[in-house]
Structure formats: C-alpha cells, structure tokens
C-alpha cells in the first residue's frame, strides 16, 4: 500500500475494535484543535477585519464628499462583495497536516496497537503514518493488534523482526508469498504471546 488514498479503515475477521472512551475523547479533541488552528493561521479573519475598516473609512469619506449616504453604502457593498470573491479565489485550501494532529501524544504510531482498526485513528494521521509499510506486514499487524500490549509502532517493528528471523533462519525454504507470510505470522504470534506473559494484566485492558 503505497498511497494514502488506497488505505481504508481495515476490518478484522472477528469485527473487533478497541473501546477506550477517554482516549477517544482526547483524539477527537486533537482533531478539532488541528482544524481550528488551520483556520486561525490562514490570517483570513485579520484580513477581513482590516478590509472592513478600510471600506468603512472609504464609505464615510464618500458619504461626506458626495452628500449621498445611500450611494456610499451601495459602493461599499459592491467593493465588499468583490473583495470577498477575490479572497475566496486566492486563498489556499485549508489542509490539516495529518501527522501533526496527534503530535502531543507522540504521533499516530504511539496509539495502542488495537487502534490499527479504529476509525478515529484513521482520521488522525494513521494512513499517512502507514505509507511505506508493506501490505503483508500490515495484514499481520491487523491480525495481532488485539493481543499486542504495546503501541502501533512496537507491533510493526515486531513483525519486521519476525520477517528478518524467517529470512535468516529458513533461507533455503521454497516459500510462496502466502507461505512466507504464514511463517512470519506464526513467529510474530509467538513473540506477542511472550510479551503478553511479561506484561501485567492491568495494562492490557
């Protein structure tokens, strides 16, 4: 999977998704904050305020100079509409940098492994984070994300180590792509089970 637009929220065979209301409320807060910051940093509000002051000043001068307040109001309205139209055409599209949304939490890779299959994670930078991760590795990660006690990054690194182990210790085996993936999954599963045995139950809720 090399393009973000090809990635969709994956679904496990058992349809399981993690549920942590506190974490999910924090993720939603960071998504909302990122969107607000993009709007604030465009400077559009300041530009509109300054333009409005110029138009009001121009309108007052025009009304006093011509003695026609209605004409001044009409001219101001036309200029305001023209300015808004020009600003709309010239303004760059608002875009949130997805990889920065969860930066205060360490980025999307720092989410619990189970959030590989959670829609909120896929709204907050996970697709961009996973660009470059081979599809075979992602498929194994999705299979193991429910059991893995660590973060998304930890799980992906574990699977990468499992791939290296299979390549080094079974180099002469004539594996099909699916056969090699099965061997990697078996070894990665054993690694996850070993980790789970060493992690207190309270941290795996």
N, C-alpha and C. Protein backbone atom coordinates (compact mmCIF):
# COMPACT_ATOMS: atom_id res chain seq x y z
N UNK A 1 0.86 -1.19 0.00
CA UNK A 1 0.00 0.00 0.00
C UNK A 1 0.89 1.24 0.00
N UNK A 2 0.99 1.86 -1.12
CA UNK A 2 1.94 2.95 -1.23
C UNK A 2 1.28 4.32 -1.28
N UNK A 3 -0.06 4.35 -1.43
CA UNK A 3 -0.74 5.63 -1.49
C UNK A 3 -1.78 5.72 -0.40
N UNK A 4 -1.83 6.93 0.21
CA UNK A 4 -2.75 7.15 1.32
C UNK A 4 -4.19 6.93 0.88
N UNK A 5 -4.54 7.36 -0.35
CA UNK A 5 -5.94 7.26 -0.78
C UNK A 5 -6.36 5.83 -1.07
N UNK A 6 -5.42 4.89 -1.04
CA UNK A 6 -5.78 3.49 -1.22
C UNK A 6 -6.06 2.81 0.12
N UNK A 7 -5.74 3.51 1.19
CA UNK A 7 -5.90 2.92 2.51
C UNK A 7 -7.29 3.24 3.07
N UNK A 8 -7.95 2.23 3.56
CA UNK A 8 -9.24 2.42 4.21
C UNK A 8 -9.16 1.75 5.58
N UNK A 9 -10.09 2.12 6.45
CA UNK A 9 -10.09 1.52 7.79
C UNK A 9 -10.23 0.01 7.65
N UNK A 10 -9.24 -0.76 8.09
CA UNK A 10 -9.34 -2.22 7.94
C UNK A 10 -10.32 -2.82 8.94
N UNK A 11 -10.81 -3.97 8.61
CA UNK A 11 -11.76 -4.66 9.49
C UNK A 11 -11.24 -6.07 9.76
N UNK A 12 -11.18 -6.43 11.02
CA UNK A 12 -10.75 -7.78 11.38
C UNK A 12 -11.87 -8.79 11.07
N UNK A 13 -11.47 -10.04 10.95
CA UNK A 13 -12.47 -11.07 10.69
C UNK A 13 -13.48 -11.18 11.83
N UNK A 14 -13.01 -10.94 13.06
CA UNK A 14 -13.94 -11.04 14.20
C UNK A 14 -14.67 -9.73 14.48
N UNK A 15 -14.45 -8.71 13.62
CA UNK A 15 -15.11 -7.40 13.73
C UNK A 15 -14.74 -6.64 15.01
N UNK A 16 -13.71 -7.08 15.71
CA UNK A 16 -13.33 -6.42 16.96
C UNK A 16 -12.74 -5.04 16.70
N UNK A 17 -13.08 -4.10 17.60
CA UNK A 17 -12.45 -2.78 17.62
C UNK A 17 -12.20 -2.42 19.08
N UNK A 18 -11.13 -1.71 19.36
CA UNK A 18 -10.88 -1.30 20.74
C UNK A 18 -11.90 -0.26 21.20
N UNK A 19 -12.10 -0.18 22.49
CA UNK A 19 -13.01 0.83 23.04
C UNK A 19 -12.39 1.43 24.29
N UNK A 20 -12.02 2.69 24.17
CA UNK A 20 -11.45 3.43 25.29
C UNK A 20 -12.01 4.85 25.22
N UNK A 21 -13.16 5.10 25.86
CA UNK A 21 -13.82 6.41 25.73
C UNK A 21 -12.91 7.59 26.08
N UNK A 22 -12.06 7.44 27.09
CA UNK A 22 -11.18 8.55 27.48
C UNK A 22 -10.19 8.86 26.36
N UNK A 23 -9.53 7.83 25.84
CA UNK A 23 -8.57 8.04 24.76
C UNK A 23 -9.26 8.60 23.52
N UNK A 24 -10.44 8.09 23.22
CA UNK A 24 -11.15 8.54 22.02
C UNK A 24 -11.60 10.00 22.14
N UNK A 25 -11.95 10.42 23.35
CA UNK A 25 -12.32 11.83 23.54
C UNK A 25 -11.10 12.73 23.36
N UNK A 26 -9.93 12.24 23.77
CA UNK A 26 -8.69 13.01 23.58
C UNK A 26 -8.35 13.12 22.10
N UNK A 27 -8.50 12.01 21.36
CA UNK A 27 -8.21 12.04 19.92
C UNK A 27 -9.15 13.02 19.23
N UNK A 28 -10.44 12.98 19.58
CA UNK A 28 -11.40 13.91 18.96
C UNK A 28 -11.02 15.36 19.27
N UNK A 29 -10.56 15.60 20.49
CA UNK A 29 -10.16 16.97 20.88
C UNK A 29 -8.99 17.45 20.01
N UNK A 30 -8.01 16.57 19.78
CA UNK A 30 -6.86 16.96 18.97
C UNK A 30 -7.25 17.16 17.51
N UNK A 31 -8.19 16.36 17.00
CA UNK A 31 -8.67 16.56 15.63
C UNK A 31 -9.33 17.93 15.50
N UNK A 32 -10.20 18.27 16.46
CA UNK A 32 -10.89 19.57 16.43
C UNK A 32 -9.89 20.71 16.56
N UNK A 33 -8.91 20.58 17.44
CA UNK A 33 -7.92 21.64 17.63
C UNK A 33 -7.10 21.86 16.37
N UNK A 34 -6.73 20.76 15.70
CA UNK A 34 -5.94 20.88 14.47
C UNK A 34 -6.71 21.64 13.41
N UNK A 35 -8.01 21.34 13.30
CA UNK A 35 -8.82 22.05 12.30
C UNK A 35 -8.95 23.53 12.64
N UNK A 36 -9.13 23.82 13.94
CA UNK A 36 -9.24 25.23 14.35
C UNK A 36 -7.94 25.98 14.08
N UNK A 37 -6.80 25.34 14.36
CA UNK A 37 -5.52 26.01 14.17
C UNK A 37 -5.28 26.33 12.70
N UNK A 38 -5.70 25.43 11.80
CA UNK A 38 -5.53 25.71 10.38
C UNK A 38 -6.33 26.94 9.99
N UNK A 39 -7.57 27.03 10.48
CA UNK A 39 -8.39 28.21 10.18
C UNK A 39 -7.78 29.48 10.74
N UNK A 40 -7.25 29.40 11.96
CA UNK A 40 -6.68 30.58 12.61
C UNK A 40 -5.41 31.05 11.93
N UNK A 41 -4.58 30.11 11.45
CA UNK A 41 -3.29 30.50 10.88
C UNK A 41 -3.38 30.99 9.45
N UNK A 42 -4.53 30.89 8.83
CA UNK A 42 -4.66 31.41 7.47
C UNK A 42 -4.64 32.93 7.44
N UNK A 43 -4.96 33.57 8.57
CA UNK A 43 -4.98 35.02 8.62
C UNK A 43 -6.19 35.64 7.99
N UNK A 44 -7.17 34.82 7.59
CA UNK A 44 -8.34 35.35 6.88
C UNK A 44 -9.14 36.29 7.76
N UNK A 45 -9.25 36.00 9.05
CA UNK A 45 -10.03 36.88 9.94
C UNK A 45 -9.40 38.26 10.04
N UNK A 46 -8.08 38.29 10.20
CA UNK A 46 -7.39 39.57 10.30
C UNK A 46 -7.51 40.35 8.99
N UNK A 47 -7.39 39.64 7.87
CA UNK A 47 -7.51 40.30 6.57
C UNK A 47 -8.90 40.90 6.38
N UNK A 48 -9.93 40.14 6.73
CA UNK A 48 -11.30 40.65 6.59
C UNK A 48 -11.55 41.85 7.49
N UNK A 49 -11.02 41.79 8.72
CA UNK A 49 -11.21 42.91 9.65
C UNK A 49 -10.55 44.17 9.10
N UNK A 50 -9.32 44.03 8.60
CA UNK A 50 -8.62 45.20 8.05
C UNK A 50 -9.34 45.74 6.83
N UNK A 51 -9.78 44.84 5.96
CA UNK A 51 -10.52 45.28 4.77
C UNK A 51 -11.81 45.99 5.14
N UNK A 52 -12.49 45.48 6.16
CA UNK A 52 -13.73 46.11 6.61
C UNK A 52 -13.49 47.53 7.11
N UNK A 53 -12.41 47.73 7.86
CA UNK A 53 -12.11 49.08 8.37
C UNK A 53 -11.82 50.04 7.22
N UNK A 54 -11.09 49.56 6.22
CA UNK A 54 -10.79 50.41 5.06
C UNK A 54 -12.07 50.80 4.33
N UNK A 55 -12.98 49.82 4.17
CA UNK A 55 -14.24 50.11 3.47
C UNK A 55 -15.10 51.10 4.23
N UNK A 56 -15.16 50.94 5.57
CA UNK A 56 -15.96 51.87 6.37
C UNK A 56 -15.40 53.29 6.25
N UNK A 57 -14.08 53.40 6.34
CA UNK A 57 -13.44 54.73 6.21
C UNK A 57 -13.73 55.33 4.84
N UNK A 58 -13.59 54.50 3.81
CA UNK A 58 -13.86 54.97 2.45
C UNK A 58 -15.32 55.39 2.30
N UNK A 59 -16.23 54.61 2.91
CA UNK A 59 -17.64 54.92 2.83
C UNK A 59 -17.98 56.25 3.49
N UNK A 60 -17.36 56.49 4.66
CA UNK A 60 -17.61 57.77 5.36
C UNK A 60 -17.13 58.94 4.51
N UNK A 61 -15.92 58.81 3.95
CA UNK A 61 -15.37 59.89 3.12
C UNK A 61 -16.26 60.12 1.90
N UNK A 62 -16.73 59.02 1.29
CA UNK A 62 -17.58 59.14 0.11
C UNK A 62 -18.92 59.79 0.46
N UNK A 63 -19.49 59.38 1.60
CA UNK A 63 -20.79 59.94 2.00
C UNK A 63 -20.68 61.43 2.29
N UNK A 64 -19.61 61.82 3.00
CA UNK A 64 -19.42 63.24 3.32
C UNK A 64 -19.14 64.04 2.06
N UNK A 65 -18.30 63.47 1.18
CA UNK A 65 -17.89 64.19 -0.03
C UNK A 65 -19.02 64.37 -1.02
N UNK A 66 -19.88 63.36 -1.15
CA UNK A 66 -20.94 63.45 -2.16
C UNK A 66 -22.28 63.88 -1.57
N UNK A 67 -22.41 63.75 -0.25
CA UNK A 67 -23.70 64.05 0.37
C UNK A 67 -24.74 63.00 0.06
N UNK A 68 -24.32 61.83 -0.41
CA UNK A 68 -25.24 60.75 -0.78
C UNK A 68 -24.90 59.50 0.02
N UNK A 69 -25.43 59.35 1.24
CA UNK A 69 -25.12 58.18 2.08
C UNK A 69 -25.54 56.86 1.41
N UNK A 70 -26.68 56.87 0.69
CA UNK A 70 -27.15 55.63 0.06
C UNK A 70 -26.16 55.17 -1.01
N UNK A 71 -25.64 56.10 -1.78
CA UNK A 71 -24.65 55.77 -2.81
C UNK A 71 -23.39 55.19 -2.15
N UNK A 72 -22.98 55.79 -1.04
CA UNK A 72 -21.78 55.31 -0.34
C UNK A 72 -21.98 53.87 0.14
N UNK A 73 -23.18 53.59 0.66
CA UNK A 73 -23.47 52.23 1.15
C UNK A 73 -23.44 51.24 -0.01
N UNK A 74 -24.02 51.62 -1.17
CA UNK A 74 -24.03 50.74 -2.33
C UNK A 74 -22.61 50.45 -2.83
N UNK A 75 -21.79 51.50 -2.88
CA UNK A 75 -20.40 51.32 -3.33
C UNK A 75 -19.65 50.40 -2.37
N UNK A 76 -19.85 50.60 -1.08
CA UNK A 76 -19.19 49.75 -0.08
C UNK A 76 -19.62 48.29 -0.23
N UNK A 77 -20.90 48.08 -0.48
CA UNK A 77 -21.40 46.71 -0.63
C UNK A 77 -20.77 46.04 -1.84
N UNK A 78 -20.68 46.75 -2.96
CA UNK A 78 -20.09 46.19 -4.17
C UNK A 78 -18.63 45.86 -3.95
N UNK A 79 -17.89 46.80 -3.33
CA UNK A 79 -16.48 46.57 -3.06
C UNK A 79 -16.27 45.40 -2.09
N UNK A 80 -17.15 45.30 -1.08
CA UNK A 80 -17.03 44.20 -0.11
C UNK A 80 -17.24 42.85 -0.78
N UNK A 81 -18.28 42.77 -1.64
CA UNK A 81 -18.54 41.51 -2.34
C UNK A 81 -17.38 41.15 -3.26
N UNK A 82 -16.84 42.15 -3.94
CA UNK A 82 -15.70 41.89 -4.82
C UNK A 82 -14.48 41.41 -4.04
N UNK A 83 -14.24 42.05 -2.89
CA UNK A 83 -13.11 41.64 -2.05
C UNK A 83 -13.25 40.23 -1.53
N UNK A 84 -14.48 39.87 -1.10
CA UNK A 84 -14.71 38.51 -0.60
C UNK A 84 -14.51 37.48 -1.70
N UNK A 85 -14.99 37.80 -2.90
CA UNK A 85 -14.83 36.87 -4.02
C UNK A 85 -13.36 36.67 -4.35
N UNK A 86 -12.60 37.77 -4.37
CA UNK A 86 -11.16 37.68 -4.66
C UNK A 86 -10.43 36.87 -3.60
N UNK A 87 -10.78 37.10 -2.32
CA UNK A 87 -10.15 36.37 -1.22
C UNK A 87 -10.44 34.88 -1.34
N UNK A 88 -11.69 34.55 -1.68
CA UNK A 88 -12.05 33.13 -1.82
C UNK A 88 -11.28 32.45 -2.93
N UNK A 89 -11.02 33.17 -4.03
CA UNK A 89 -10.28 32.58 -5.15
C UNK A 89 -8.81 32.44 -4.82
N UNK A 90 -8.25 33.45 -4.15
CA UNK A 90 -6.82 33.47 -3.91
C UNK A 90 -6.39 32.64 -2.70
N UNK A 91 -7.30 32.41 -1.76
CA UNK A 91 -6.90 31.72 -0.51
C UNK A 91 -6.55 30.26 -0.81
N UNK A 92 -5.42 29.78 -0.24
CA UNK A 92 -5.08 28.36 -0.44
C UNK A 92 -6.07 27.48 0.30
N UNK A 93 -6.29 26.25 -0.18
CA UNK A 93 -7.24 25.36 0.50
C UNK A 93 -6.75 25.03 1.91
N UNK A 94 -7.70 24.98 2.84
CA UNK A 94 -7.35 24.65 4.21
C UNK A 94 -7.02 23.17 4.28
N UNK A 95 -5.86 22.85 4.86
CA UNK A 95 -5.47 21.44 4.97
C UNK A 95 -4.75 21.21 6.28
N UNK A 96 -5.24 20.25 7.02
CA UNK A 96 -4.59 19.85 8.26
C UNK A 96 -3.47 18.89 7.91
N UNK A 97 -2.30 19.06 8.52
CA UNK A 97 -1.22 18.10 8.35
C UNK A 97 -1.56 16.90 9.24
N UNK A 98 -1.99 15.78 8.66
CA UNK A 98 -2.49 14.67 9.49
C UNK A 98 -1.48 14.15 10.48
N UNK A 99 -0.20 14.16 10.11
CA UNK A 99 0.82 13.61 11.00
C UNK A 99 1.07 14.49 12.22
N UNK A 100 0.56 15.72 12.19
CA UNK A 100 0.74 16.62 13.34
C UNK A 100 -0.45 16.60 14.30
N UNK A 101 -1.55 15.96 13.90
CA UNK A 101 -2.75 16.00 14.74
C UNK A 101 -2.49 15.42 16.12
N UNK A 102 -1.84 14.26 16.17
CA UNK A 102 -1.59 13.59 17.46
C UNK A 102 -0.16 13.81 17.95
N UNK A 103 0.50 14.85 17.44
CA UNK A 103 1.88 15.13 17.86
C UNK A 103 2.02 15.25 19.39
N UNK A 104 1.05 15.88 20.09
CA UNK A 104 1.20 15.96 21.56
C UNK A 104 1.18 14.58 22.24
N UNK A 105 0.65 13.56 21.55
CA UNK A 105 0.62 12.21 22.11
C UNK A 105 1.77 11.35 21.57
N UNK A 106 2.65 11.95 20.78
CA UNK A 106 3.73 11.19 20.19
C UNK A 106 3.45 10.72 18.79
N UNK A 107 2.34 11.15 18.19
CA UNK A 107 2.00 10.78 16.83
C UNK A 107 1.13 9.54 16.78
N UNK A 108 0.56 9.23 15.60
CA UNK A 108 -0.35 8.09 15.49
C UNK A 108 0.32 6.76 15.79
N UNK A 109 1.62 6.67 15.58
CA UNK A 109 2.33 5.42 15.87
C UNK A 109 2.38 5.09 17.35
N UNK A 110 2.07 6.09 18.18
CA UNK A 110 2.10 5.88 19.63
C UNK A 110 0.75 5.41 20.18
N UNK A 111 -0.25 5.31 19.31
CA UNK A 111 -1.55 4.79 19.76
C UNK A 111 -1.42 3.30 20.11
N UNK A 112 -2.29 2.79 20.99
CA UNK A 112 -2.29 1.35 21.27
C UNK A 112 -2.48 0.56 19.97
N UNK A 113 -1.84 -0.60 19.89
CA UNK A 113 -1.84 -1.39 18.65
C UNK A 113 -3.25 -1.66 18.13
N UNK A 114 -4.22 -1.86 19.02
CA UNK A 114 -5.58 -2.14 18.60
C UNK A 114 -6.20 -1.04 17.76
N UNK A 115 -5.67 0.18 17.86
CA UNK A 115 -6.24 1.30 17.11
C UNK A 115 -5.89 1.26 15.62
N UNK A 116 -5.16 0.21 15.20
CA UNK A 116 -4.99 -0.03 13.77
C UNK A 116 -6.33 -0.25 13.08
N UNK A 117 -7.34 -0.67 13.83
CA UNK A 117 -8.65 -0.95 13.23
C UNK A 117 -9.73 -0.01 13.78
N UNK A 118 -9.33 1.16 14.26
CA UNK A 118 -10.31 2.11 14.81
C UNK A 118 -10.45 3.31 13.87
N UNK A 119 -11.68 3.67 13.49
CA UNK A 119 -11.87 4.78 12.55
C UNK A 119 -11.26 6.10 13.00
N UNK A 120 -11.29 6.40 14.31
CA UNK A 120 -10.73 7.67 14.77
C UNK A 120 -9.24 7.77 14.47
N UNK A 121 -8.54 6.65 14.61
CA UNK A 121 -7.10 6.66 14.31
C UNK A 121 -6.86 6.96 12.84
N UNK A 122 -7.77 6.51 11.99
CA UNK A 122 -7.62 6.71 10.55
C UNK A 122 -8.05 8.12 10.13
N UNK A 123 -8.62 8.89 11.07
CA UNK A 123 -8.91 10.30 10.82
C UNK A 123 -7.82 11.20 11.36
N UNK A 124 -6.86 10.62 12.07
CA UNK A 124 -5.88 11.46 12.77
C UNK A 124 -4.44 11.08 12.43
N UNK A 125 -4.19 10.74 11.17
CA UNK A 125 -2.81 10.58 10.71
C UNK A 125 -2.32 9.16 10.52
N UNK A 126 -3.11 8.15 10.89
CA UNK A 126 -2.63 6.78 10.76
C UNK A 126 -2.38 6.37 9.29
N UNK A 127 -3.25 6.71 8.33
CA UNK A 127 -2.94 6.34 6.94
C UNK A 127 -1.62 6.91 6.47
N UNK A 128 -1.36 8.19 6.82
CA UNK A 128 -0.10 8.82 6.42
C UNK A 128 1.09 8.16 7.12
N UNK A 129 0.89 7.77 8.37
CA UNK A 129 1.95 7.10 9.12
C UNK A 129 2.30 5.74 8.50
N UNK A 130 1.30 5.07 7.95
CA UNK A 130 1.49 3.71 7.42
C UNK A 130 1.98 3.68 5.98
N UNK A 131 2.10 4.85 5.34
CA UNK A 131 2.61 4.86 3.97
C UNK A 131 4.03 4.27 3.98
N UNK A 132 4.25 3.33 3.09
CA UNK A 132 5.56 2.68 3.03
C UNK A 132 5.61 1.36 3.77
N UNK A 133 4.61 1.10 4.62
CA UNK A 133 4.55 -0.20 5.30
C UNK A 133 4.00 -1.22 4.31
N UNK A 134 4.73 -2.31 4.05
CA UNK A 134 4.23 -3.30 3.08
C UNK A 134 2.88 -3.86 3.50
N UNK A 135 2.06 -4.17 2.52
CA UNK A 135 0.72 -4.67 2.80
C UNK A 135 0.76 -5.96 3.62
N UNK A 136 1.71 -6.84 3.31
CA UNK A 136 1.80 -8.12 4.03
C UNK A 136 2.05 -7.87 5.52
N UNK A 137 2.88 -6.86 5.82
CA UNK A 137 3.18 -6.56 7.22
C UNK A 137 1.96 -5.97 7.92
N UNK A 138 1.24 -5.12 7.20
CA UNK A 138 0.04 -4.51 7.77
C UNK A 138 -1.03 -5.57 8.03
N UNK A 139 -1.16 -6.53 7.12
CA UNK A 139 -2.16 -7.59 7.31
C UNK A 139 -1.86 -8.40 8.57
N UNK A 140 -0.59 -8.72 8.80
CA UNK A 140 -0.23 -9.46 10.01
C UNK A 140 -0.47 -8.60 11.25
N UNK A 141 -0.14 -7.31 11.14
CA UNK A 141 -0.35 -6.41 12.28
C UNK A 141 -1.83 -6.36 12.67
N UNK A 142 -2.70 -6.35 11.68
CA UNK A 142 -4.14 -6.30 11.96
C UNK A 142 -4.57 -7.59 12.66
N UNK A 143 -3.99 -8.72 12.26
CA UNK A 143 -4.33 -9.98 12.90
C UNK A 143 -3.89 -10.01 14.37
N UNK A 144 -2.79 -9.33 14.67
CA UNK A 144 -2.21 -9.41 16.02
C UNK A 144 -2.50 -8.19 16.89
N UNK A 145 -3.18 -7.18 16.33
CA UNK A 145 -3.31 -5.92 17.07
C UNK A 145 -4.15 -6.05 18.33
N UNK A 146 -5.06 -7.02 18.36
CA UNK A 146 -5.91 -7.17 19.56
C UNK A 146 -5.09 -7.68 20.74
N UNK A 147 -4.15 -8.56 20.49
CA UNK A 147 -3.38 -9.18 21.56
C UNK A 147 -2.15 -8.37 21.96
N UNK A 148 -1.61 -7.60 21.02
CA UNK A 148 -0.33 -6.93 21.31
C UNK A 148 -0.50 -5.87 22.41
N UNK A 149 0.38 -5.90 23.42
CA UNK A 149 0.20 -4.99 24.56
C UNK A 149 0.83 -3.61 24.37
N UNK A 150 1.50 -3.40 23.24
CA UNK A 150 2.19 -2.13 23.05
C UNK A 150 1.51 -1.22 22.06
N UNK A 151 2.31 -0.33 21.46
CA UNK A 151 1.81 0.67 20.52
C UNK A 151 1.88 0.15 19.09
N UNK A 152 1.26 0.89 18.18
CA UNK A 152 1.27 0.54 16.76
C UNK A 152 2.71 0.39 16.27
N UNK A 153 3.57 1.34 16.63
CA UNK A 153 4.98 1.29 16.21
C UNK A 153 5.65 0.02 16.70
N UNK A 154 5.40 -0.34 17.95
CA UNK A 154 6.02 -1.54 18.52
C UNK A 154 5.60 -2.80 17.76
N UNK A 155 4.32 -2.88 17.43
CA UNK A 155 3.82 -4.05 16.72
C UNK A 155 4.44 -4.16 15.32
N UNK A 156 4.53 -3.03 14.62
CA UNK A 156 5.12 -3.06 13.28
C UNK A 156 6.59 -3.46 13.33
N UNK A 157 7.30 -2.98 14.34
CA UNK A 157 8.72 -3.36 14.48
C UNK A 157 8.85 -4.84 14.81
N UNK A 158 7.94 -5.35 15.63
CA UNK A 158 7.97 -6.77 15.96
C UNK A 158 7.80 -7.62 14.71
N UNK A 159 6.88 -7.24 13.86
CA UNK A 159 6.63 -8.02 12.64
C UNK A 159 7.83 -7.91 11.70
N UNK A 160 8.46 -6.75 11.66
CA UNK A 160 9.67 -6.60 10.84
C UNK A 160 10.78 -7.53 11.35
N UNK A 161 10.91 -7.63 12.67
CA UNK A 161 11.91 -8.56 13.24
C UNK A 161 11.55 -10.00 12.91
N UNK A 162 10.26 -10.33 12.94
CA UNK A 162 9.83 -11.68 12.59
C UNK A 162 10.17 -11.99 11.14
N UNK A 163 10.01 -11.02 10.25
CA UNK A 163 10.36 -11.23 8.84
C UNK A 163 11.85 -11.50 8.68
N UNK A 164 12.67 -10.74 9.40
CA UNK A 164 14.12 -10.96 9.32
C UNK A 164 14.49 -12.34 9.85
N UNK A 165 13.83 -12.75 10.95
CA UNK A 165 14.11 -14.06 11.53
C UNK A 165 13.81 -15.18 10.53
N UNK A 166 12.66 -15.11 9.88
CA UNK A 166 12.29 -16.14 8.90
C UNK A 166 13.27 -16.14 7.73
N UNK A 167 13.66 -14.95 7.28
CA UNK A 167 14.60 -14.86 6.15
C UNK A 167 15.97 -15.42 6.51
N UNK A 168 16.41 -15.22 7.76
CA UNK A 168 17.75 -15.65 8.17
C UNK A 168 17.81 -17.13 8.54
N UNK A 169 16.74 -17.64 9.17
CA UNK A 169 16.79 -18.99 9.70
C UNK A 169 16.15 -20.03 8.78
N UNK A 170 15.44 -19.58 7.76
CA UNK A 170 14.86 -20.53 6.81
C UNK A 170 15.13 -20.04 5.39
N UNK A 171 16.42 -19.77 5.09
CA UNK A 171 16.72 -19.13 3.81
C UNK A 171 16.53 -20.05 2.61
N UNK A 172 16.64 -21.35 2.80
CA UNK A 172 16.55 -22.25 1.66
C UNK A 172 15.16 -22.76 1.38
N UNK A 173 14.21 -22.40 2.20
CA UNK A 173 12.85 -22.92 2.02
C UNK A 173 12.18 -22.28 0.81
N UNK A 174 11.48 -23.10 0.06
CA UNK A 174 10.80 -22.59 -1.14
C UNK A 174 9.39 -22.14 -0.74
N UNK A 175 9.30 -20.92 -0.19
CA UNK A 175 8.03 -20.40 0.26
C UNK A 175 7.30 -19.68 -0.87
N UNK A 176 6.01 -19.90 -0.96
CA UNK A 176 5.18 -18.99 -1.75
C UNK A 176 5.00 -17.72 -0.92
N UNK A 177 4.57 -16.62 -1.55
CA UNK A 177 4.35 -15.40 -0.75
C UNK A 177 3.42 -15.65 0.44
N UNK A 178 2.36 -16.42 0.24
CA UNK A 178 1.43 -16.70 1.34
C UNK A 178 2.08 -17.61 2.38
N UNK A 179 2.89 -18.56 1.90
CA UNK A 179 3.58 -19.46 2.83
C UNK A 179 4.57 -18.71 3.70
N UNK A 180 5.32 -17.79 3.10
CA UNK A 180 6.28 -16.99 3.89
C UNK A 180 5.53 -16.11 4.88
N UNK A 181 4.42 -15.52 4.43
CA UNK A 181 3.64 -14.68 5.33
C UNK A 181 3.12 -15.51 6.50
N UNK A 182 2.72 -16.74 6.23
CA UNK A 182 2.23 -17.61 7.30
C UNK A 182 3.34 -17.89 8.31
N UNK A 183 4.56 -18.14 7.83
CA UNK A 183 5.69 -18.39 8.74
C UNK A 183 5.98 -17.15 9.58
N UNK A 184 5.96 -15.99 8.95
CA UNK A 184 6.20 -14.73 9.68
C UNK A 184 5.12 -14.53 10.73
N UNK A 185 3.88 -14.78 10.35
CA UNK A 185 2.77 -14.62 11.30
C UNK A 185 2.92 -15.56 12.50
N UNK A 186 3.31 -16.81 12.25
CA UNK A 186 3.48 -17.77 13.34
C UNK A 186 4.56 -17.30 14.32
N UNK A 187 5.69 -16.85 13.77
CA UNK A 187 6.78 -16.41 14.64
C UNK A 187 6.40 -15.12 15.37
N UNK A 188 5.75 -14.19 14.66
CA UNK A 188 5.32 -12.94 15.30
C UNK A 188 4.29 -13.22 16.40
N UNK A 189 3.41 -14.19 16.17
CA UNK A 189 2.42 -14.55 17.19
C UNK A 189 3.10 -15.06 18.45
N UNK A 190 4.13 -15.89 18.29
CA UNK A 190 4.87 -16.38 19.45
C UNK A 190 5.55 -15.23 20.20
N UNK A 191 6.07 -14.27 19.45
CA UNK A 191 6.72 -13.11 20.08
C UNK A 191 5.70 -12.29 20.88
N UNK A 192 4.50 -12.11 20.30
CA UNK A 192 3.45 -11.36 21.01
C UNK A 192 3.03 -12.11 22.27
N UNK A 193 2.84 -13.41 22.16
CA UNK A 193 2.45 -14.21 23.34
C UNK A 193 3.49 -14.11 24.45
N UNK A 194 4.75 -14.09 24.05
CA UNK A 194 5.83 -13.96 25.05
C UNK A 194 5.76 -12.59 25.72
N UNK A 195 5.51 -11.54 24.93
CA UNK A 195 5.39 -10.20 25.50
C UNK A 195 4.21 -10.11 26.46
N UNK A 196 3.08 -10.71 26.06
CA UNK A 196 1.88 -10.65 26.89
C UNK A 196 2.12 -11.29 28.25
N UNK A 197 2.88 -12.37 28.28
CA UNK A 197 3.17 -13.05 29.55
C UNK A 197 3.96 -12.18 30.50
N UNK A 198 4.69 -11.21 29.93
CA UNK A 198 5.54 -10.36 30.77
C UNK A 198 4.91 -8.99 31.05
N UNK A 199 3.68 -8.80 30.57
CA UNK A 199 3.01 -7.51 30.80
C UNK A 199 1.89 -7.73 31.81
N UNK A 200 1.84 -6.92 32.88
CA UNK A 200 0.76 -7.06 33.86
C UNK A 200 -0.60 -6.94 33.22
N UNK A 201 -1.53 -7.72 33.69
CA UNK A 201 -2.88 -7.75 33.11
C UNK A 201 -3.54 -6.39 33.10
N UNK A 202 -3.26 -5.56 34.11
CA UNK A 202 -3.92 -4.24 34.19
C UNK A 202 -3.56 -3.35 33.02
N UNK A 203 -2.39 -3.56 32.39
CA UNK A 203 -2.00 -2.69 31.28
C UNK A 203 -2.57 -3.17 29.97
N UNK A 204 -3.29 -4.28 29.96
CA UNK A 204 -3.80 -4.82 28.71
C UNK A 204 -5.31 -4.68 28.59
N UNK A 205 -5.89 -3.76 29.32
CA UNK A 205 -7.34 -3.58 29.27
C UNK A 205 -7.76 -3.04 27.92
